Amino acid sequence: MKEKILGIINEIRTVKGLEQLGEIHEEDNLRDDLGLTSFDLAELTVKIEDAFDIDIFEDGLVNTVSEIYAKLKK
């Protein structure tokens, strides 16, 4: 699961012209640490829903990598 999330984030970062990440940490903030915008978060939601069949924003905002993991573990 963690490698898949890293891959999805790197797909989005690559399109933006940002370097790929070798790893992400649970405390990483999606906006501040990973450089994602509101548009990127919408794309992230769609890609995660396609990969895992879960809408991570269904119950509210997700701000960190650990919050993504928590939603996927439900």
PDB file of N, CA and C in Angstrom:
ATOM      1  N   MET A   1       0.830  -1.190   0.000  1.00  0.00           N
ATOM      2  CA  MET A   1       0.000   0.000   0.000  1.00  0.00           C
ATOM      3  C   MET A   1       0.881   1.263   0.000  1.00  0.00           C
ATOM      4  N   LYS A   2       1.906   1.292   0.855  1.00  0.00           N
ATOM      5  CA  LYS A   2       2.743   2.487   0.967  1.00  0.00           C
ATOM      6  C   LYS A   2       3.488   2.771  -0.331  1.00  0.00           C
ATOM      7  N   GLU A   3       3.990   1.725  -0.980  1.00  0.00           N
ATOM      8  CA  GLU A   3       4.698   1.909  -2.251  1.00  0.00           C
ATOM      9  C   GLU A   3       3.747   2.429  -3.331  1.00  0.00           C
ATOM     10  N   LYS A   4       2.507   1.946  -3.311  1.00  0.00           N
ATOM     11  CA  LYS A   4       1.510   2.389  -4.288  1.00  0.00           C
ATOM     12  C   LYS A   4       1.192   3.878  -4.093  1.00  0.00           C
ATOM     13  N   ILE A   5       1.049   4.303  -2.842  1.00  0.00           N
ATOM     14  CA  ILE A   5       0.781   5.716  -2.553  1.00  0.00           C
ATOM     15  C   ILE A   5       1.965   6.570  -2.998  1.00  0.00           C
ATOM     16  N   LEU A   6       3.180   6.119  -2.708  1.00  0.00           N
ATOM     17  CA  LEU A   6       4.376   6.836  -3.154  1.00  0.00           C
ATOM     18  C   LEU A   6       4.382   6.966  -4.674  1.00  0.00           C
ATOM     19  N   GLY A   7       4.040   5.895  -5.367  1.00  0.00           N
ATOM     20  CA  GLY A   7       3.994   5.924  -6.827  1.00  0.00           C
ATOM     21  C   GLY A   7       2.980   6.918  -7.359  1.00  0.00           C
ATOM     22  N   ILE A   8       1.818   6.965  -6.740  1.00  0.00           N
ATOM     23  CA  ILE A   8       0.773   7.906  -7.165  1.00  0.00           C
ATOM     24  C   ILE A   8       1.232   9.348  -6.932  1.00  0.00           C
ATOM     25  N   ILE A   9       1.808   9.606  -5.770  1.00  0.00           N
ATOM     26  CA  ILE A   9       2.301  10.958  -5.474  1.00  0.00           C
ATOM     27  C   ILE A   9       3.400  11.341  -6.463  1.00  0.00           C
ATOM     28  N   ASN A  10       4.285  10.407  -6.775  1.00  0.00           N
ATOM     29  CA  ASN A  10       5.360  10.698  -7.729  1.00  0.00           C
ATOM     30  C   ASN A  10       4.830  10.942  -9.137  1.00  0.00           C
ATOM     31  N   GLU A  11       3.762  10.253  -9.526  1.00  0.00           N
ATOM     32  CA  GLU A  11       3.132  10.515 -10.833  1.00  0.00           C
ATOM     33  C   GLU A  11       2.685  11.975 -10.915  1.00  0.00           C
ATOM     34  N   ILE A  12       2.034  12.428  -9.860  1.00  0.00           N
ATOM     35  CA  ILE A  12       1.529  13.799  -9.822  1.00  0.00           C
ATOM     36  C   ILE A  12       2.690  14.791  -9.806  1.00  0.00           C
ATOM     37  N   ARG A  13       3.715  14.512  -9.006  1.00  0.00           N
ATOM     38  CA  ARG A  13       4.878  15.411  -8.927  1.00  0.00           C
ATOM     39  C   ARG A  13       5.610  15.490 -10.262  1.00  0.00           C
ATOM     40  N   THR A  14       5.704  14.380 -10.980  1.00  0.00           N
ATOM     41  CA  THR A  14       6.400  14.360 -12.263  1.00  0.00           C
ATOM     42  C   THR A  14       5.709  15.272 -13.269  1.00  0.00           C
ATOM     43  N   VAL A  15       4.386  15.213 -13.312  1.00  0.00           N
ATOM     44  CA  VAL A  15       3.618  16.070 -14.226  1.00  0.00           C
ATOM     45  C   VAL A  15       3.859  17.546 -13.900  1.00  0.00           C
ATOM     46  N   LYS A  16       4.045  17.851 -12.624  1.00  0.00           N
ATOM     47  CA  LYS A  16       4.289  19.232 -12.194  1.00  0.00           C
ATOM     48  C   LYS A  16       5.735  19.671 -12.416  1.00  0.00           C
ATOM     49  N   GLY A  17       6.590  18.747 -12.838  1.00  0.00           N
ATOM     50  CA  GLY A  17       7.998  19.075 -13.033  1.00  0.00           C
ATOM     51  C   GLY A  17       8.821  19.010 -11.758  1.00  0.00           C
ATOM     52  N   LEU A  18       8.263  18.383 -10.718  1.00  0.00           N
ATOM     53  CA  LEU A  18       8.987  18.223  -9.458  1.00  0.00           C
ATOM     54  C   LEU A  18       9.728  16.890  -9.466  1.00  0.00           C
ATOM     55  N   GLU A  19      10.797  16.824  -8.700  1.00  0.00           N
ATOM     56  CA  GLU A  19      11.561  15.577  -8.644  1.00  0.00           C
ATOM     57  C   GLU A  19      10.768  14.487  -7.921  1.00  0.00           C
ATOM     58  N   GLN A  20      11.049  13.258  -8.294  1.00  0.00           N
ATOM     59  CA  GLN A  20      10.388  12.132  -7.638  1.00  0.00           C
ATOM     60  C   GLN A  20      10.984  11.930  -6.254  1.00  0.00           C
ATOM     61  N   LEU A  21      10.161  11.436  -5.368  1.00  0.00           N
ATOM     62  CA  LEU A  21      10.584  11.169  -4.000  1.00  0.00           C
ATOM     63  C   LEU A  21      10.992   9.712  -3.867  1.00  0.00           C
ATOM     64  N   GLY A  22      12.030   9.457  -3.088  1.00  0.00           N
ATOM     65  CA  GLY A  22      12.442   8.084  -2.824  1.00  0.00           C
ATOM     66  C   GLY A  22      11.603   7.452  -1.734  1.00  0.00           C
ATOM     67  N   GLU A  23      11.064   8.302  -0.863  1.00  0.00           N
ATOM     68  CA  GLU A  23      10.220   7.821   0.227  1.00  0.00           C
ATOM     69  C   GLU A  23       9.343   8.964   0.712  1.00  0.00           C
ATOM     70  N   ILE A  24       8.282   8.594   1.380  1.00  0.00           N
ATOM     71  CA  ILE A  24       7.431   9.569   2.055  1.00  0.00           C
ATOM     72  C   ILE A  24       7.305   9.122   3.500  1.00  0.00           C
ATOM     73  N   HIS A  25       7.008  10.071   4.363  1.00  0.00           N
ATOM     74  CA  HIS A  25       6.892   9.784   5.790  1.00  0.00           C
ATOM     75  C   HIS A  25       5.473  10.082   6.252  1.00  0.00           C
ATOM     76  N   GLU A  26       5.037   9.350   7.255  1.00  0.00           N
ATOM     77  CA  GLU A  26       3.662   9.494   7.723  1.00  0.00           C
ATOM     78  C   GLU A  26       3.335  10.917   8.142  1.00  0.00           C
ATOM     79  N   GLU A  27       4.315  11.639   8.669  1.00  0.00           N
ATOM     80  CA  GLU A  27       4.050  12.999   9.143  1.00  0.00           C
ATOM     81  C   GLU A  27       4.089  14.038   8.023  1.00  0.00           C
ATOM     82  N   ASP A  28       4.453  13.637   6.804  1.00  0.00           N
ATOM     83  CA  ASP A  28       4.526  14.579   5.685  1.00  0.00           C
ATOM     84  C   ASP A  28       3.161  15.194   5.391  1.00  0.00           C
ATOM     85  N   ASN A  29       3.148  16.526   5.302  1.00  0.00           N
ATOM     86  CA  ASN A  29       1.944  17.244   4.915  1.00  0.00           C
ATOM     87  C   ASN A  29       1.862  17.250   3.392  1.00  0.00           C
ATOM     88  N   LEU A  30       0.699  16.927   2.861  1.00  0.00           N
ATOM     89  CA  LEU A  30       0.539  16.809   1.414  1.00  0.00           C
ATOM     90  C   LEU A  30       0.828  18.118   0.692  1.00  0.00           C
ATOM     91  N   ARG A  31       0.476  19.230   1.282  1.00  0.00           N
ATOM     92  CA  ARG A  31       0.708  20.533   0.652  1.00  0.00           C
ATOM     93  C   ARG A  31       2.106  21.074   0.981  1.00  0.00           C
ATOM     94  N   ASP A  32       2.387  21.195   2.259  1.00  0.00           N
ATOM     95  CA  ASP A  32       3.613  21.868   2.693  1.00  0.00           C
ATOM     96  C   ASP A  32       4.876  21.063   2.411  1.00  0.00           C
ATOM     97  N   ASP A  33       4.833  19.766   2.657  1.00  0.00           N
ATOM     98  CA  ASP A  33       6.030  18.938   2.500  1.00  0.00           C
ATOM     99  C   ASP A  33       6.152  18.311   1.116  1.00  0.00           C
ATOM    100  N   LEU A  34       5.012  17.959   0.516  1.00  0.00           N
ATOM    101  CA  LEU A  34       5.053  17.253  -0.765  1.00  0.00           C
ATOM    102  C   LEU A  34       4.744  18.158  -1.953  1.00  0.00           C
ATOM    103  N   GLY A  35       4.358  19.398  -1.678  1.00  0.00           N
ATOM    104  CA  GLY A  35       4.174  20.380  -2.746  1.00  0.00           C
ATOM    105  C   GLY A  35       2.923  20.210  -3.585  1.00  0.00           C
ATOM    106  N   LEU A  36       1.899  19.578  -3.025  1.00  0.00           N
ATOM    107  CA  LEU A  36       0.666  19.364  -3.780  1.00  0.00           C
ATOM    108  C   LEU A  36      -0.295  20.543  -3.602  1.00  0.00           C
ATOM    109  N   THR A  37      -0.994  20.886  -4.665  1.00  0.00           N
ATOM    110  CA  THR A  37      -2.000  21.953  -4.644  1.00  0.00           C
ATOM    111  C   THR A  37      -3.390  21.334  -4.478  1.00  0.00           C
ATOM    112  N   SER A  38      -4.395  22.174  -4.396  1.00  0.00           N
ATOM    113  CA  SER A  38      -5.778  21.678  -4.315  1.00  0.00           C
ATOM    114  C   SER A  38      -6.123  20.825  -5.532  1.00  0.00           C
ATOM    115  N   PHE A  39      -5.688  21.266  -6.704  1.00  0.00           N
ATOM    116  CA  PHE A  39      -5.920  20.494  -7.925  1.00  0.00           C
ATOM    117  C   PHE A  39      -5.222  19.137  -7.839  1.00  0.00           C
ATOM    118  N   ASP A  40      -3.988  19.132  -7.329  1.00  0.00           N
ATOM    119  CA  ASP A  40      -3.240  17.882  -7.177  1.00  0.00           C
ATOM    120  C   ASP A  40      -3.940  16.937  -6.202  1.00  0.00           C
ATOM    121  N   LEU A  41      -4.508  17.498  -5.140  1.00  0.00           N
ATOM    122  CA  LEU A  41      -5.212  16.666  -4.162  1.00  0.00           C
ATOM    123  C   LEU A  41      -6.452  16.032  -4.781  1.00  0.00           C
ATOM    124  N   ALA A  42      -7.123  16.763  -5.663  1.00  0.00           N
ATOM    125  CA  ALA A  42      -8.271  16.189  -6.372  1.00  0.00           C
ATOM    126  C   ALA A  42      -7.810  15.027  -7.245  1.00  0.00           C
ATOM    127  N   GLU A  43      -6.691  15.214  -7.940  1.00  0.00           N
ATOM    128  CA  GLU A  43      -6.144  14.142  -8.774  1.00  0.00           C
ATOM    129  C   GLU A  43      -5.704  12.957  -7.918  1.00  0.00           C
ATOM    130  N   LEU A  44      -5.098  13.252  -6.773  1.00  0.00           N
ATOM    131  CA  LEU A  44      -4.680  12.197  -5.841  1.00  0.00           C
ATOM    132  C   LEU A  44      -5.881  11.376  -5.391  1.00  0.00           C
ATOM    133  N   THR A  45      -6.971  12.056  -5.076  1.00  0.00           N
ATOM    134  CA  THR A  45      -8.194  11.373  -4.650  1.00  0.00           C
ATOM    135  C   THR A  45      -8.693  10.412  -5.719  1.00  0.00           C
ATOM    136  N   VAL A  46      -8.729  10.866  -6.957  1.00  0.00           N
ATOM    137  CA  VAL A  46      -9.208  10.028  -8.064  1.00  0.00           C
ATOM    138  C   VAL A  46      -8.297   8.822  -8.254  1.00  0.00           C
ATOM    139  N   LYS A  47      -6.996   9.046  -8.223  1.00  0.00           N
ATOM    140  CA  LYS A  47      -6.045   7.952  -8.439  1.00  0.00           C
ATOM    141  C   LYS A  47      -6.103   6.925  -7.304  1.00  0.00           C
ATOM    142  N   ILE A  48      -6.246   7.401  -6.064  1.00  0.00           N
ATOM    143  CA  ILE A  48      -6.354   6.475  -4.932  1.00  0.00           C
ATOM    144  C   ILE A  48      -7.671   5.717  -4.998  1.00  0.00           C
ATOM    145  N   GLU A  49      -8.737   6.401  -5.372  1.00  0.00           N
ATOM    146  CA  GLU A  49     -10.030   5.723  -5.496  1.00  0.00           C
ATOM    147  C   GLU A  49      -9.974   4.650  -6.579  1.00  0.00           C
ATOM    148  N   ASP A  50      -9.304   4.945  -7.689  1.00  0.00           N
ATOM    149  CA  ASP A  50      -9.146   3.947  -8.751  1.00  0.00           C
ATOM    150  C   ASP A  50      -8.326   2.750  -8.275  1.00  0.00           C
ATOM    151  N   ALA A  51      -7.272   3.009  -7.517  1.00  0.00           N
ATOM    152  CA  ALA A  51      -6.365   1.947  -7.083  1.00  0.00           C
ATOM    153  C   ALA A  51      -6.924   1.121  -5.931  1.00  0.00           C
ATOM    154  N   PHE A  52      -7.633   1.770  -4.999  1.00  0.00           N
ATOM    155  CA  PHE A  52      -8.059   1.102  -3.769  1.00  0.00           C
ATOM    156  C   PHE A  52      -9.576   1.046  -3.586  1.00  0.00           C
ATOM    157  N   ASP A  53     -10.332   1.677  -4.473  1.00  0.00           N
ATOM    158  CA  ASP A  53     -11.791   1.722  -4.389  1.00  0.00           C
ATOM    159  C   ASP A  53     -12.273   2.375  -3.090  1.00  0.00           C
ATOM    160  N   ILE A  54     -11.559   3.430  -2.672  1.00  0.00           N
ATOM    161  CA  ILE A  54     -11.908   4.166  -1.461  1.00  0.00           C
ATOM    162  C   ILE A  54     -11.769   5.661  -1.747  1.00  0.00           C
ATOM    163  N   ASP A  55     -12.779   6.450  -1.361  1.00  0.00           N
ATOM    164  CA  ASP A  55     -12.709   7.905  -1.473  1.00  0.00           C
ATOM    165  C   ASP A  55     -12.132   8.438  -0.168  1.00  0.00           C
ATOM    166  N   ILE A  56     -10.850   8.842  -0.192  1.00  0.00           N
ATOM    167  CA  ILE A  56     -10.187   9.257   1.041  1.00  0.00           C
ATOM    168  C   ILE A  56     -10.718  10.576   1.590  1.00  0.00           C
ATOM    169  N   PHE A  57     -11.416  11.361   0.788  1.00  0.00           N
ATOM    170  CA  PHE A  57     -11.960  12.640   1.245  1.00  0.00           C
ATOM    171  C   PHE A  57     -13.446  12.553   1.600  1.00  0.00           C
ATOM    172  N   GLU A  58     -13.989  11.351   1.602  1.00  0.00           N
ATOM    173  CA  GLU A  58     -15.416  11.176   1.876  1.00  0.00           C
ATOM    174  C   GLU A  58     -15.822  11.728   3.245  1.00  0.00           C
ATOM    175  N   ASP A  59     -14.968  11.532   4.247  1.00  0.00           N
ATOM    176  CA  ASP A  59     -15.294  11.962   5.609  1.00  0.00           C
ATOM    177  C   ASP A  59     -14.619  13.268   6.002  1.00  0.00           C
ATOM    178  N   GLY A  60     -14.110  14.012   5.045  1.00  0.00           N
ATOM    179  CA  GLY A  60     -13.451  15.277   5.348  1.00  0.00           C
ATOM    180  C   GLY A  60     -12.070  15.355   4.736  1.00  0.00           C
ATOM    181  N   LEU A  61     -11.377  16.426   5.080  1.00  0.00           N
ATOM    182  CA  LEU A  61     -10.066  16.682   4.503  1.00  0.00           C
ATOM    183  C   LEU A  61      -9.011  15.696   4.984  1.00  0.00           C
ATOM    184  N   VAL A  62      -8.060  15.453   4.119  1.00  0.00           N
ATOM    185  CA  VAL A  62      -6.891  14.649   4.442  1.00  0.00           C
ATOM    186  C   VAL A  62      -5.689  15.553   4.208  1.00  0.00           C
ATOM    187  N   ASN A  63      -4.859  15.720   5.246  1.00  0.00           N
ATOM    188  CA  ASN A  63      -3.738  16.648   5.152  1.00  0.00           C
ATOM    189  C   ASN A  63      -2.369  15.988   5.166  1.00  0.00           C
ATOM    190  N   THR A  64      -2.283  14.786   5.721  1.00  0.00           N
ATOM    191  CA  THR A  64      -0.982  14.134   5.861  1.00  0.00           C
ATOM    192  C   THR A  64      -1.006  12.732   5.264  1.00  0.00           C
ATOM    193  N   VAL A  65       0.176  12.214   5.050  1.00  0.00           N
ATOM    194  CA  VAL A  65       0.308  10.854   4.537  1.00  0.00           C
ATOM    195  C   VAL A  65      -0.310   9.862   5.524  1.00  0.00           C
ATOM    196  N   SER A  66      -0.113  10.074   6.825  1.00  0.00           N
ATOM    197  CA  SER A  66      -0.677   9.147   7.816  1.00  0.00           C
ATOM    198  C   SER A  66      -2.202   9.124   7.760  1.00  0.00           C
ATOM    199  N   GLU A  67      -2.829  10.246   7.436  1.00  0.00           N
ATOM    200  CA  GLU A  67      -4.288  10.276   7.310  1.00  0.00           C
ATOM    201  C   GLU A  67      -4.747   9.469   6.099  1.00  0.00           C
ATOM    202  N   ILE A  68      -3.959   9.469   5.027  1.00  0.00           N
ATOM    203  CA  ILE A  68      -4.278   8.615   3.873  1.00  0.00           C
ATOM    204  C   ILE A  68      -4.220   7.157   4.296  1.00  0.00           C
ATOM    205  N   TYR A  69      -3.129   6.776   4.968  1.00  0.00           N
ATOM    206  CA  TYR A  69      -2.973   5.387   5.410  1.00  0.00           C
ATOM    207  C   TYR A  69      -4.128   4.966   6.318  1.00  0.00           C
ATOM    208  N   ALA A  70      -4.528   5.854   7.238  1.00  0.00           N
ATOM    209  CA  ALA A  70      -5.620   5.536   8.163  1.00  0.00           C
ATOM    210  C   ALA A  70      -6.922   5.297   7.409  1.00  0.00           C
ATOM    211  N   LYS A  71      -7.207   6.118   6.403  1.00  0.00           N
ATOM    212  CA  LYS A  71      -8.439   5.943   5.610  1.00  0.00           C
ATOM    213  C   LYS A  71      -8.408   4.626   4.845  1.00  0.00           C
ATOM    214  N   LEU A  72      -7.237   4.247   4.348  1.00  0.00           N
ATOM    215  CA  LEU A  72      -7.133   3.023   3.559  1.00  0.00           C
ATOM    216  C   LEU A  72      -7.205   1.773   4.427  1.00  0.00           C
ATOM    217  N   LYS A  73      -6.881   1.899   5.710  1.00  0.00           N
ATOM    218  CA  LYS A  73      -6.908   0.746   6.612  1.00  0.00           C
ATOM    219  C   LYS A  73      -8.301   0.460   7.147  1.00  0.00           C
ATOM    220  N   LYS A  74      -9.239   1.405   6.968  1.00  0.00           N
ATOM    221  CA  LYS A  74     -10.612   1.210   7.476  1.00  0.00           C
ATOM    222  C   LYS A  74     -11.301   0.087   6.760  1.00  0.00           C
TER     223      LYS A  74
END
